[in-house]
N, C-alpha and C. Protein backbone atom coordinates (compact mmCIF):
# COMPACT_ATOMS: atom_id res chain seq x y z
N MET A 1 0.85 -1.18 0.00
CA MET A 1 0.00 0.00 0.00
C MET A 1 0.90 1.24 0.00
N ALA A 2 0.48 2.26 -0.70
CA ALA A 2 1.25 3.49 -0.83
C ALA A 2 1.19 4.31 0.45
N VAL A 3 2.17 5.17 0.62
CA VAL A 3 2.17 6.10 1.75
C VAL A 3 0.96 7.02 1.61
N PRO A 4 0.20 7.21 2.69
CA PRO A 4 -1.01 8.04 2.62
C PRO A 4 -0.72 9.49 2.23
N ASP A 5 -1.69 10.10 1.54
CA ASP A 5 -1.64 11.50 1.16
C ASP A 5 -1.47 12.37 2.41
N ARG A 6 -0.64 13.38 2.31
CA ARG A 6 -0.33 14.23 3.47
C ARG A 6 -1.57 14.90 4.07
N GLY A 7 -2.44 15.42 3.23
CA GLY A 7 -3.65 16.08 3.72
C GLY A 7 -4.55 15.11 4.48
N PHE A 8 -4.70 13.90 3.93
CA PHE A 8 -5.50 12.88 4.61
C PHE A 8 -4.84 12.50 5.92
N ALA A 9 -3.53 12.35 5.91
CA ALA A 9 -2.80 11.98 7.13
C ALA A 9 -3.00 13.04 8.21
N GLU A 10 -2.90 14.30 7.85
CA GLU A 10 -3.08 15.37 8.83
C GLU A 10 -4.50 15.36 9.39
N ALA A 11 -5.49 15.09 8.54
CA ALA A 11 -6.87 15.04 8.99
C ALA A 11 -7.09 13.87 9.94
N VAL A 12 -6.53 12.72 9.62
CA VAL A 12 -6.63 11.54 10.50
C VAL A 12 -6.03 11.85 11.86
N LEU A 13 -4.84 12.39 11.87
CA LEU A 13 -4.16 12.67 13.13
C LEU A 13 -4.91 13.72 13.96
N ALA A 14 -5.56 14.66 13.30
CA ALA A 14 -6.36 15.66 14.02
C ALA A 14 -7.54 14.99 14.72
N VAL A 15 -8.21 14.07 14.03
CA VAL A 15 -9.32 13.34 14.65
C VAL A 15 -8.82 12.52 15.83
N VAL A 16 -7.73 11.79 15.64
CA VAL A 16 -7.18 10.94 16.71
C VAL A 16 -6.78 11.79 17.91
N ASP A 17 -6.15 12.92 17.66
CA ASP A 17 -5.73 13.79 18.77
C ASP A 17 -6.91 14.33 19.57
N ASP A 18 -8.10 14.36 18.97
CA ASP A 18 -9.29 14.87 19.65
C ASP A 18 -10.07 13.80 20.40
N ILE A 19 -9.65 12.54 20.32
CA ILE A 19 -10.34 11.48 21.07
C ILE A 19 -9.97 11.64 22.54
N PRO A 20 -10.97 11.85 23.42
CA PRO A 20 -10.66 12.06 24.84
C PRO A 20 -10.13 10.79 25.51
N ALA A 21 -9.38 10.97 26.57
CA ALA A 21 -8.88 9.85 27.36
C ALA A 21 -10.04 8.98 27.81
N GLY A 22 -9.83 7.67 27.75
CA GLY A 22 -10.86 6.72 28.17
C GLY A 22 -11.86 6.38 27.10
N HIS A 23 -11.75 7.01 25.93
CA HIS A 23 -12.63 6.76 24.81
C HIS A 23 -11.83 6.20 23.64
N VAL A 24 -12.52 5.59 22.70
CA VAL A 24 -11.87 4.98 21.55
C VAL A 24 -12.73 5.15 20.30
N MET A 25 -12.10 4.95 19.17
CA MET A 25 -12.77 4.86 17.87
C MET A 25 -12.09 3.74 17.10
N THR A 26 -12.80 3.15 16.16
CA THR A 26 -12.16 2.18 15.27
C THR A 26 -11.54 2.92 14.10
N TYR A 27 -10.73 2.20 13.34
CA TYR A 27 -10.16 2.78 12.13
C TYR A 27 -11.30 3.24 11.20
N GLY A 28 -12.36 2.43 11.12
CA GLY A 28 -13.51 2.79 10.30
C GLY A 28 -14.24 4.01 10.80
N ASP A 29 -14.33 4.16 12.13
CA ASP A 29 -14.97 5.36 12.70
C ASP A 29 -14.21 6.62 12.30
N VAL A 30 -12.89 6.55 12.39
CA VAL A 30 -12.06 7.71 12.04
C VAL A 30 -12.27 8.04 10.56
N ALA A 31 -12.25 7.02 9.71
CA ALA A 31 -12.47 7.25 8.28
C ALA A 31 -13.83 7.89 8.04
N ALA A 32 -14.86 7.38 8.71
CA ALA A 32 -16.21 7.92 8.53
C ALA A 32 -16.30 9.38 8.95
N MET A 33 -15.58 9.74 10.01
CA MET A 33 -15.55 11.15 10.45
C MET A 33 -15.03 12.06 9.34
N LEU A 34 -14.20 11.49 8.48
CA LEU A 34 -13.59 12.28 7.40
C LEU A 34 -14.34 12.10 6.08
N GLY A 35 -15.50 11.44 6.14
CA GLY A 35 -16.28 11.23 4.93
C GLY A 35 -15.68 10.19 4.01
N SER A 36 -14.95 9.27 4.57
CA SER A 36 -14.25 8.24 3.80
C SER A 36 -14.67 6.86 4.25
N ARG A 37 -14.44 5.88 3.42
CA ARG A 37 -14.63 4.48 3.80
C ARG A 37 -13.27 3.79 3.91
N GLY A 38 -12.22 4.58 4.02
CA GLY A 38 -10.85 4.08 3.99
C GLY A 38 -10.28 3.70 5.33
N ALA A 39 -10.86 2.70 5.99
CA ALA A 39 -10.33 2.26 7.29
C ALA A 39 -8.88 1.80 7.16
N ARG A 40 -8.56 1.11 6.09
CA ARG A 40 -7.18 0.66 5.89
C ARG A 40 -6.23 1.83 5.70
N ALA A 41 -6.71 2.86 5.03
CA ALA A 41 -5.88 4.06 4.86
C ALA A 41 -5.62 4.72 6.20
N VAL A 42 -6.62 4.72 7.08
CA VAL A 42 -6.42 5.25 8.44
C VAL A 42 -5.36 4.42 9.15
N GLY A 43 -5.43 3.11 9.01
CA GLY A 43 -4.42 2.24 9.60
C GLY A 43 -3.02 2.55 9.09
N GLN A 44 -2.92 2.83 7.80
CA GLN A 44 -1.61 3.19 7.23
C GLN A 44 -1.10 4.51 7.82
N VAL A 45 -1.99 5.48 7.95
CA VAL A 45 -1.60 6.76 8.56
C VAL A 45 -1.06 6.51 9.96
N MET A 46 -1.79 5.72 10.73
CA MET A 46 -1.37 5.46 12.11
C MET A 46 -0.03 4.73 12.13
N ALA A 47 0.17 3.81 11.21
CA ALA A 47 1.44 3.08 11.15
C ALA A 47 2.62 3.98 10.79
N TYR A 48 2.40 4.89 9.84
CA TYR A 48 3.48 5.77 9.38
C TYR A 48 3.70 6.97 10.29
N TYR A 49 2.61 7.56 10.78
CA TYR A 49 2.71 8.87 11.44
C TYR A 49 2.13 8.94 12.84
N GLY A 50 1.53 7.88 13.34
CA GLY A 50 0.75 7.94 14.55
C GLY A 50 1.50 7.81 15.86
N SER A 51 2.79 7.67 15.84
CA SER A 51 3.52 7.40 17.09
C SER A 51 3.46 8.54 18.09
N ASN A 52 3.22 9.77 17.64
CA ASN A 52 3.13 10.90 18.56
C ASN A 52 1.68 11.26 18.92
N SER A 53 0.75 10.47 18.43
CA SER A 53 -0.67 10.66 18.73
C SER A 53 -1.10 9.58 19.71
N PRO A 54 -2.28 9.71 20.31
CA PRO A 54 -2.76 8.66 21.21
C PRO A 54 -3.25 7.45 20.40
N TRP A 55 -2.32 6.75 19.79
CA TRP A 55 -2.58 5.64 18.88
C TRP A 55 -3.40 4.52 19.52
N TRP A 56 -3.29 4.35 20.83
CA TRP A 56 -4.00 3.27 21.53
C TRP A 56 -5.51 3.51 21.55
N ARG A 57 -5.94 4.71 21.21
CA ARG A 57 -7.37 5.03 21.20
C ARG A 57 -8.04 4.68 19.87
N VAL A 58 -7.27 4.16 18.92
CA VAL A 58 -7.81 3.73 17.64
C VAL A 58 -7.71 2.21 17.57
N LEU A 59 -8.86 1.57 17.46
CA LEU A 59 -8.96 0.12 17.59
C LEU A 59 -9.31 -0.57 16.29
N ARG A 60 -9.04 -1.87 16.30
CA ARG A 60 -9.56 -2.73 15.25
C ARG A 60 -11.03 -3.04 15.57
N ALA A 61 -11.73 -3.57 14.62
CA ALA A 61 -13.13 -3.93 14.83
C ALA A 61 -13.26 -4.85 16.04
N GLY A 62 -14.35 -4.72 16.75
CA GLY A 62 -14.60 -5.57 17.90
C GLY A 62 -13.91 -5.11 19.17
N GLY A 63 -13.23 -3.97 19.14
CA GLY A 63 -12.59 -3.45 20.33
C GLY A 63 -11.19 -3.96 20.58
N HIS A 64 -10.59 -4.59 19.59
CA HIS A 64 -9.24 -5.13 19.76
C HIS A 64 -8.19 -4.05 19.57
N PRO A 65 -7.16 -4.05 20.42
CA PRO A 65 -6.10 -3.04 20.29
C PRO A 65 -5.35 -3.21 18.98
N PRO A 66 -4.58 -2.21 18.60
CA PRO A 66 -3.81 -2.31 17.36
C PRO A 66 -2.97 -3.60 17.35
N ARG A 67 -2.96 -4.26 16.21
CA ARG A 67 -2.27 -5.55 16.06
C ARG A 67 -0.81 -5.44 16.49
N GLY A 68 -0.42 -6.34 17.38
CA GLY A 68 0.95 -6.40 17.85
C GLY A 68 1.31 -5.39 18.93
N LEU A 69 0.34 -4.56 19.33
CA LEU A 69 0.62 -3.50 20.30
C LEU A 69 -0.20 -3.62 21.59
N ALA A 70 -0.84 -4.76 21.80
CA ALA A 70 -1.71 -4.93 22.97
C ALA A 70 -0.96 -4.72 24.28
N ALA A 71 0.24 -5.26 24.39
CA ALA A 71 1.01 -5.11 25.64
C ALA A 71 1.40 -3.66 25.88
N ARG A 72 1.75 -2.95 24.82
CA ARG A 72 2.12 -1.53 24.96
C ARG A 72 0.90 -0.65 25.24
N ALA A 73 -0.26 -1.05 24.72
CA ALA A 73 -1.48 -0.25 24.88
C ALA A 73 -2.10 -0.41 26.27
N LEU A 74 -1.96 -1.58 26.87
CA LEU A 74 -2.65 -1.86 28.13
C LEU A 74 -2.38 -0.84 29.23
N PRO A 75 -1.14 -0.40 29.47
CA PRO A 75 -0.93 0.61 30.51
C PRO A 75 -1.66 1.93 30.24
N TYR A 76 -1.81 2.29 28.96
CA TYR A 76 -2.56 3.50 28.62
C TYR A 76 -4.04 3.32 28.97
N TYR A 77 -4.60 2.17 28.62
CA TYR A 77 -6.00 1.91 28.93
C TYR A 77 -6.22 1.94 30.44
N ASP A 78 -5.32 1.31 31.17
CA ASP A 78 -5.44 1.30 32.64
C ASP A 78 -5.36 2.71 33.20
N ALA A 79 -4.40 3.49 32.74
CA ALA A 79 -4.21 4.86 33.26
C ALA A 79 -5.40 5.75 32.94
N GLU A 80 -6.04 5.53 31.79
CA GLU A 80 -7.16 6.38 31.37
C GLU A 80 -8.51 5.86 31.84
N GLY A 81 -8.52 4.69 32.48
CA GLY A 81 -9.78 4.12 32.93
C GLY A 81 -10.65 3.61 31.80
N THR A 82 -10.04 3.22 30.70
CA THR A 82 -10.79 2.68 29.57
C THR A 82 -11.35 1.32 29.97
N PRO A 83 -12.65 1.11 29.80
CA PRO A 83 -13.24 -0.17 30.20
C PRO A 83 -12.75 -1.32 29.32
N LEU A 84 -12.31 -2.39 29.96
CA LEU A 84 -11.76 -3.55 29.27
C LEU A 84 -12.57 -4.80 29.58
N ILE A 85 -12.50 -5.77 28.69
CA ILE A 85 -13.14 -7.06 28.86
C ILE A 85 -12.06 -8.12 28.71
N THR A 86 -11.96 -9.02 29.66
CA THR A 86 -11.00 -10.13 29.58
C THR A 86 -11.50 -11.12 28.53
N THR A 87 -10.57 -11.59 27.69
CA THR A 87 -10.92 -12.55 26.64
C THR A 87 -9.91 -13.68 26.61
N THR A 88 -10.21 -14.68 25.80
CA THR A 88 -9.28 -15.79 25.61
C THR A 88 -8.45 -15.60 24.35
N SER A 89 -8.51 -14.42 23.74
CA SER A 89 -7.71 -14.13 22.55
C SER A 89 -6.24 -14.05 22.93
N GLU A 90 -5.38 -14.00 21.96
CA GLU A 90 -3.94 -13.92 22.24
C GLU A 90 -3.57 -12.67 23.03
N ASP A 91 -4.36 -11.59 22.89
CA ASP A 91 -4.09 -10.36 23.63
C ASP A 91 -4.56 -10.47 25.09
N GLY A 92 -5.57 -11.30 25.34
CA GLY A 92 -6.09 -11.49 26.68
C GLY A 92 -7.14 -10.47 27.10
N TYR A 93 -7.39 -9.50 26.27
CA TYR A 93 -8.40 -8.49 26.57
C TYR A 93 -8.82 -7.80 25.28
N ARG A 94 -9.90 -7.06 25.42
CA ARG A 94 -10.30 -6.12 24.38
C ARG A 94 -10.98 -4.95 25.09
N VAL A 95 -11.08 -3.84 24.42
CA VAL A 95 -11.77 -2.68 24.98
C VAL A 95 -13.27 -2.93 24.89
N ASP A 96 -13.99 -2.53 25.94
CA ASP A 96 -15.45 -2.60 25.92
C ASP A 96 -15.92 -1.47 24.99
N TYR A 97 -15.98 -1.80 23.72
CA TYR A 97 -16.23 -0.81 22.68
C TYR A 97 -17.58 -0.15 22.84
N ALA A 98 -18.59 -0.91 23.23
CA ALA A 98 -19.92 -0.33 23.39
C ALA A 98 -19.95 0.77 24.44
N THR A 99 -19.11 0.65 25.46
CA THR A 99 -19.07 1.65 26.52
C THR A 99 -18.09 2.78 26.20
N ALA A 100 -16.94 2.45 25.64
CA ALA A 100 -15.87 3.44 25.45
C ALA A 100 -15.92 4.18 24.12
N ARG A 101 -16.75 3.74 23.19
CA ARG A 101 -16.77 4.35 21.86
C ARG A 101 -17.15 5.82 21.92
N LEU A 102 -16.35 6.65 21.26
CA LEU A 102 -16.66 8.07 21.12
C LEU A 102 -17.69 8.23 20.02
N ARG A 103 -18.76 8.89 20.34
CA ARG A 103 -19.82 9.14 19.37
C ARG A 103 -19.94 10.65 19.18
N PRO A 104 -19.12 11.18 18.28
CA PRO A 104 -19.14 12.64 18.09
C PRO A 104 -20.43 13.15 17.48
C-alpha cells in the first residue's frame, strides 16, 4: 500500500488527537468522520505517522487493540480508565467498545 496522502494523514491525526482519554474509535470510525470508507488508509496513517498521537485510542473492529501492540497499549488503557473485557484471545483483553466508543 502506498504512503497516505499528506492532507488525509493530517486530517486523520487531528481526529485521533481529539479522542478524549478513556474513549476509543475504530479505524472505520475515524475514516467515517472524514467522509471516507478508507479504514485501511487510516491504519496506514497510524502506522506511518501515529507514534506521537494517542494511537492506543484507535482500535480494530470488535474493540481489539492495534495488532501487535496490545502489551504496549494496556498501561494507557489502565491509566485512562478505559473499560476492558477479559478474553481468551492472544491479547487477553479487548476494549469494551460499546461503553468506550466516542460518538461525536
